[in-house]
Amino acid sequence: MTSLPLSHPDRIDGGFRPLKAWRHFRQLIADKEDTEQVFHIIESLRDKRFGKAAEAFFATAEGRKQLAERPCLPAMLDDHDTLRKLPEGSVGRAYVDFMEREGLTAQGLVDEFDKFRRGQPRYDDMLELYGNRLRDTHDLFHILTGYGRDALGEQCVLAFSYSQTPSWGTLFIAWAGAREIRKGFGTRYPIYGAVREGQRIGRAAQQIAHQDIAALLAEPLDAARRRLGIAEPRLYKQVHAMMRADGIDPYDLLGKKAAEAASAPAPLAQAA
């Protein structure tokens, strides 16, 4: 067992700063792809529960293994050639399909985190390792829960994450983001209900970030969901169905895609 401390003695608690969190949330709303803002929000609203969650994980057999071996999850998750060799229908194959379709990489989240942490010291402690693990497994949450990267899907997966590892930051983004979506649609769609459902599903499920990730990737996706106790997000799917019935693309709530298509120059007519 390593003697790595839970919290390095030089680590300084930045305190609970809700106004700072709100400022970064407004920047995130302006550009939902600006993932760096998420890290600022979570850091601004962190409390003692994060340390307790880290301590609980590293007390498990899997946690002790990770502490001893220190594997690099981004390298494993970005090795798409190896993951493609897993059976059709496995978590790993679904993950690769999702990441390539969305143009994402696990290293990309690391790079965003590095932007957030630039100029700040790094600490060799359990808090650092656990925070990295939560960051690196985020997109696996999408795969296993069935929540997409649409605006509502991101809020729901954060609500799910809050119940898995309590953090005022993730809860704040989930509900503040849901409020932003609801402002544009009123009460026609059960936006808040979908987010509450995400919290309930996360509370009932086993903790994804505490799993043996290599073994999880090799599991059939449906079997993994059953084993982990992850229920189907019915209200989230209901919102999508209702929006599509109303002619709204849930992945383009601001209508940007349609506006871009309308403003694009017409293709040149082919010569006769």
Protein backbone atom coordinates (compact mmCIF):
# COMPACT_ATOMS: atom_id res chain seq x y z
CA MET A 1 0.00 0.00 0.00
CA THR A 2 1.39 3.40 -0.99
CA SER A 3 1.93 6.13 1.56
CA LEU A 4 0.41 8.74 -0.77
CA PRO A 5 -1.55 11.24 1.37
CA LEU A 6 -5.22 11.92 0.83
CA SER A 7 -4.43 15.62 0.59
CA HIS A 8 -0.92 17.02 0.12
CA PRO A 9 0.11 19.28 3.02
CA ASP A 10 0.80 22.13 0.57
CA ARG A 11 -2.65 21.92 -1.01
CA ILE A 12 -4.73 25.03 -0.30
CA ASP A 13 -8.52 24.98 -0.13
CA GLY A 14 -9.77 27.74 -2.41
CA GLY A 15 -13.00 28.06 -0.44
CA PHE A 16 -16.64 28.07 -1.47
CA ARG A 17 -17.05 30.80 -4.14
CA PRO A 18 -20.55 30.79 -5.67
CA LEU A 19 -20.14 34.16 -7.44
CA LYS A 20 -17.04 32.89 -9.21
CA ALA A 21 -18.95 29.76 -10.20
CA TRP A 22 -21.79 31.86 -11.63
CA ARG A 23 -19.37 33.97 -13.66
CA HIS A 24 -17.83 30.89 -15.23
CA PHE A 25 -21.28 29.40 -15.82
CA ARG A 26 -22.24 32.44 -17.93
CA GLN A 27 -19.12 31.83 -20.01
CA LEU A 28 -20.09 28.18 -20.39
CA ILE A 29 -23.58 29.16 -21.54
CA ALA A 30 -22.02 31.40 -24.18
CA ASP A 31 -19.98 28.47 -25.50
CA LYS A 32 -20.99 25.00 -24.31
CA GLU A 33 -17.83 23.53 -25.86
CA ASP A 34 -15.65 25.62 -23.53
CA THR A 35 -15.09 22.72 -21.15
CA GLU A 36 -12.47 24.63 -19.18
CA GLN A 37 -15.31 26.57 -17.53
CA VAL A 38 -16.73 23.34 -16.06
CA PHE A 39 -13.51 22.77 -14.12
CA HIS A 40 -13.60 26.35 -12.79
CA ILE A 41 -17.19 25.86 -11.58
CA ILE A 42 -16.50 22.54 -9.89
CA GLU A 43 -13.38 23.91 -8.20
CA SER A 44 -15.28 26.99 -6.98
CA LEU A 45 -17.98 24.86 -5.31
CA ARG A 46 -15.96 21.93 -3.98
CA ASP A 47 -16.59 20.81 -0.40
CA LYS A 48 -15.40 18.08 1.96
CA ARG A 49 -17.52 15.40 0.29
CA PHE A 50 -15.01 15.15 -2.55
CA GLY A 51 -12.27 14.12 -0.15
CA LYS A 52 -14.55 11.57 1.49
CA ALA A 53 -15.43 10.08 -1.90
CA ALA A 54 -11.74 9.83 -2.84
CA GLU A 55 -10.89 8.19 0.47
CA ALA A 56 -13.75 5.70 0.05
CA PHE A 57 -12.62 4.74 -3.45
CA PHE A 58 -8.98 4.17 -2.51
CA ALA A 59 -10.11 1.97 0.39
CA THR A 60 -11.63 -0.51 -2.11
CA ALA A 61 -9.72 -3.31 -3.82
CA GLU A 62 -9.97 -1.52 -7.17
CA GLY A 63 -8.88 1.75 -5.59
CA ARG A 64 -5.83 0.13 -3.99
CA LYS A 65 -4.95 -1.41 -7.35
CA GLN A 66 -5.19 1.95 -9.12
CA LEU A 67 -3.12 3.59 -6.40
CA ALA A 68 -0.37 1.00 -6.82
CA GLU A 69 -0.34 0.85 -10.63
CA ARG A 70 -1.31 4.43 -11.59
CA PRO A 71 -2.54 3.50 -15.11
CA CYS A 72 -3.09 6.24 -17.69
CA LEU A 73 -6.79 6.08 -18.55
CA PRO A 74 -6.63 8.58 -21.44
CA ALA A 75 -4.02 6.44 -23.21
CA MET A 76 -6.25 3.36 -22.82
CA LEU A 77 -9.39 5.16 -23.90
CA ASP A 78 -7.77 6.84 -26.91
CA ASP A 79 -6.32 3.56 -28.21
CA HIS A 80 -9.21 3.11 -30.62
CA ASP A 81 -7.43 0.44 -32.66
CA THR A 82 -7.30 -1.84 -29.62
CA LEU A 83 -10.85 -1.00 -28.51
CA ARG A 84 -12.12 -1.79 -32.02
CA LYS A 85 -10.97 -5.38 -31.49
CA LEU A 86 -13.49 -5.80 -28.66
CA PRO A 87 -16.75 -7.62 -29.52
CA GLU A 88 -19.55 -5.84 -31.36
CA GLY A 89 -22.00 -4.41 -28.81
CA SER A 90 -19.37 -4.01 -26.10
CA VAL A 91 -18.96 -0.87 -24.02
CA GLY A 92 -15.59 -0.24 -25.68
CA ARG A 93 -16.96 -0.43 -29.21
CA ALA A 94 -19.85 1.89 -28.31
CA TYR A 95 -17.35 4.28 -26.72
CA VAL A 96 -15.17 4.44 -29.83
CA ASP A 97 -18.19 5.01 -32.06
CA PHE A 98 -19.40 7.81 -29.78
CA MET A 99 -16.03 9.55 -29.48
CA GLU A 100 -15.30 9.42 -33.20
CA ARG A 101 -18.80 10.57 -34.12
CA GLU A 102 -18.53 13.51 -31.72
CA GLY A 103 -14.92 14.32 -32.63
CA LEU A 104 -13.76 13.83 -29.03
CA THR A 105 -10.73 12.32 -27.33
CA ALA A 106 -10.00 11.54 -23.69
CA GLN A 107 -6.80 13.56 -24.08
CA GLY A 108 -8.92 16.51 -25.14
CA LEU A 109 -10.46 16.70 -21.67
CA VAL A 110 -6.97 16.49 -20.17
CA ASP A 111 -5.89 19.42 -22.36
CA GLU A 112 -8.91 21.47 -21.21
CA PHE A 113 -8.04 20.64 -17.61
CA ASP A 114 -4.44 21.72 -18.21
CA LYS A 115 -5.72 25.07 -19.50
CA PHE A 116 -7.69 25.45 -16.27
CA ARG A 117 -4.69 24.49 -14.14
CA ARG A 118 -2.04 26.51 -16.00
CA GLY A 119 0.30 28.20 -13.57
CA GLN A 120 -1.08 26.22 -10.63
CA PRO A 121 0.89 23.56 -8.74
CA ARG A 122 0.09 19.86 -9.09
CA TYR A 123 -0.03 17.72 -5.98
CA ASP A 124 0.93 14.09 -5.63
CA ASP A 125 -2.01 13.02 -3.53
CA MET A 126 -5.21 10.96 -3.69
CA LEU A 127 -7.37 14.00 -4.41
CA GLU A 128 -5.42 14.64 -7.62
CA LEU A 129 -5.67 11.02 -8.75
CA TYR A 130 -9.36 10.79 -7.98
CA GLY A 131 -10.19 14.05 -9.72
CA ASN A 132 -8.31 12.82 -12.79
CA ARG A 133 -10.28 9.58 -12.74
CA LEU A 134 -13.62 11.38 -12.65
CA ARG A 135 -12.49 13.59 -15.52
CA ASP A 136 -11.22 10.69 -17.64
CA THR A 137 -14.36 8.56 -17.23
CA HIS A 138 -16.85 11.35 -18.03
CA ASP A 139 -17.61 10.22 -21.59
CA LEU A 140 -18.12 6.64 -20.39
CA PHE A 141 -21.00 8.05 -18.34
CA HIS A 142 -22.64 9.14 -21.59
CA ILE A 143 -22.26 5.65 -23.07
CA LEU A 144 -23.58 3.79 -20.04
CA THR A 145 -26.46 6.13 -19.19
CA GLY A 146 -27.65 6.73 -22.75
CA TYR A 147 -27.54 10.51 -22.33
CA GLY A 148 -26.28 12.29 -25.45
CA ARG A 149 -24.22 15.45 -25.81
CA ASP A 150 -27.26 17.59 -26.51
CA ALA A 151 -27.95 20.41 -24.05
CA LEU A 152 -30.40 18.38 -21.94
CA GLY A 153 -28.27 15.24 -22.12
CA GLU A 154 -25.29 17.09 -20.64
CA GLN A 155 -27.39 18.38 -17.74
CA CYS A 156 -28.82 14.93 -17.09
CA VAL A 157 -25.44 13.21 -17.10
CA LEU A 158 -24.16 15.81 -14.63
CA ALA A 159 -27.18 15.19 -12.39
CA PHE A 160 -26.39 11.47 -12.60
CA SER A 161 -22.73 12.24 -11.78
CA TYR A 162 -23.75 14.30 -8.74
CA SER A 163 -25.52 11.30 -7.24
CA GLN A 164 -22.49 9.13 -7.97
CA THR A 165 -19.92 11.53 -6.50
CA PRO A 166 -21.60 14.50 -4.76
CA SER A 167 -20.27 17.87 -5.87
CA TRP A 168 -22.13 21.17 -5.63
CA GLY A 169 -20.43 22.16 -8.89
CA THR A 170 -21.93 19.38 -10.99
CA LEU A 171 -25.33 19.86 -9.36
CA PHE A 172 -25.20 23.59 -9.98
CA ILE A 173 -24.37 23.16 -13.69
CA ALA A 174 -27.07 20.52 -14.09
CA TRP A 175 -29.87 22.66 -12.66
CA ALA A 176 -28.69 26.05 -13.90
CA GLY A 177 -28.30 24.54 -17.36
CA ALA A 178 -31.77 23.00 -17.17
CA ARG A 179 -33.15 26.41 -16.21
CA GLU A 180 -31.53 27.96 -19.29
CA ILE A 181 -33.15 25.32 -21.52
CA ARG A 182 -36.54 25.72 -19.84
CA LYS A 183 -36.46 29.51 -20.25
CA GLY A 184 -36.82 29.02 -23.98
CA PHE A 185 -39.62 26.44 -23.86
CA GLY A 186 -41.63 27.05 -20.71
CA THR A 187 -43.32 24.05 -19.15
CA ARG A 188 -44.22 22.22 -22.37
CA TYR A 189 -41.39 19.70 -21.94
CA PRO A 190 -40.48 17.94 -18.64
CA ILE A 191 -36.96 19.40 -18.58
CA TYR A 192 -36.68 19.50 -14.79
CA GLY A 193 -38.24 16.05 -14.51
CA ALA A 194 -35.55 14.63 -16.81
CA VAL A 195 -32.79 16.13 -14.64
CA ARG A 196 -34.40 14.81 -11.45
CA GLU A 197 -34.64 11.41 -13.12
CA GLY A 198 -30.89 11.59 -13.85
CA GLN A 199 -30.23 12.13 -10.15
CA ARG A 200 -32.44 9.17 -9.20
CA ILE A 201 -30.78 6.86 -11.73
CA GLY A 202 -27.31 7.87 -10.53
CA ARG A 203 -28.28 7.31 -6.90
CA ALA A 204 -29.51 3.78 -7.58
CA ALA A 205 -26.57 2.73 -9.77
CA GLN A 206 -23.11 1.46 -8.84
CA GLN A 207 -20.36 4.05 -9.20
CA ILE A 208 -19.00 3.97 -12.74
CA ALA A 209 -15.70 5.66 -11.88
CA HIS A 210 -15.02 3.00 -9.23
CA GLN A 211 -15.11 0.14 -11.73
CA ASP A 212 -12.24 -1.76 -13.34
CA ILE A 213 -12.35 0.30 -16.55
CA ALA A 214 -10.49 -2.20 -18.74
CA ALA A 215 -12.92 -4.96 -17.74
CA LEU A 216 -15.91 -2.65 -18.13
CA LEU A 217 -14.91 -1.75 -21.70
CA ALA A 218 -14.96 -5.44 -22.65
CA GLU A 219 -18.47 -6.04 -21.25
CA PRO A 220 -21.55 -6.12 -23.49
CA LEU A 221 -23.17 -2.70 -23.11
CA ASP A 222 -26.62 -3.98 -22.12
CA ALA A 223 -25.12 -6.41 -19.61
CA ALA A 224 -22.97 -3.67 -18.10
CA ARG A 225 -26.00 -1.43 -17.65
CA ARG A 226 -27.88 -4.24 -15.90
CA ARG A 227 -24.94 -5.13 -13.66
CA LEU A 228 -24.41 -1.51 -12.66
CA GLY A 229 -28.13 -0.95 -12.10
CA ILE A 230 -28.42 1.90 -14.61
CA ALA A 231 -32.07 2.41 -15.52
CA GLU A 232 -33.36 3.69 -18.85
CA PRO A 233 -33.69 7.53 -18.94
CA ARG A 234 -37.35 7.55 -19.93
CA LEU A 235 -38.13 11.23 -19.37
CA TYR A 236 -35.04 12.33 -21.29
CA LYS A 237 -36.15 10.20 -24.25
CA GLN A 238 -39.68 11.54 -23.88
CA VAL A 239 -38.42 15.14 -24.15
CA HIS A 240 -36.51 14.24 -27.32
CA ALA A 241 -39.58 12.58 -28.85
CA MET A 242 -41.80 15.56 -27.98
CA MET A 243 -39.32 18.07 -29.41
CA ARG A 244 -38.93 16.15 -32.66
CA ALA A 245 -42.72 15.91 -32.97
CA ASP A 246 -42.75 19.72 -32.73
CA GLY A 247 -40.08 20.03 -35.42
CA ILE A 248 -37.28 20.86 -32.94
CA ASP A 249 -33.86 19.24 -33.12
CA PRO A 250 -32.89 18.52 -29.46
CA TYR A 251 -29.24 18.66 -30.53
CA ASP A 252 -29.72 22.16 -31.96
CA LEU A 253 -32.02 24.01 -29.57
CA LEU A 254 -30.79 27.42 -30.70
CA GLY A 255 -31.37 26.63 -34.37
CA LYS A 256 -27.73 27.29 -35.27
CA LYS A 257 -27.51 24.42 -37.73
CA ALA A 258 -30.54 25.60 -39.65
CA ALA A 259 -29.28 29.20 -39.66
CA GLU A 260 -25.87 28.13 -40.93
CA ALA A 261 -27.44 26.02 -43.67
CA ALA A 262 -29.67 28.91 -44.75
CA SER A 263 -26.79 31.37 -44.91
CA ALA A 264 -24.40 29.01 -46.73
CA PRO A 265 -23.81 29.83 -50.43
CA ALA A 266 -25.72 27.62 -52.83
CA PRO A 267 -23.58 24.98 -54.55
CA LEU A 268 -22.56 25.75 -58.10
CA ALA A 269 -24.85 24.18 -60.66
CA GLN A 270 -23.26 21.37 -62.57
CA ALA A 271 -22.46 22.10 -66.19
CA ALA A 272 -25.02 20.69 -68.55
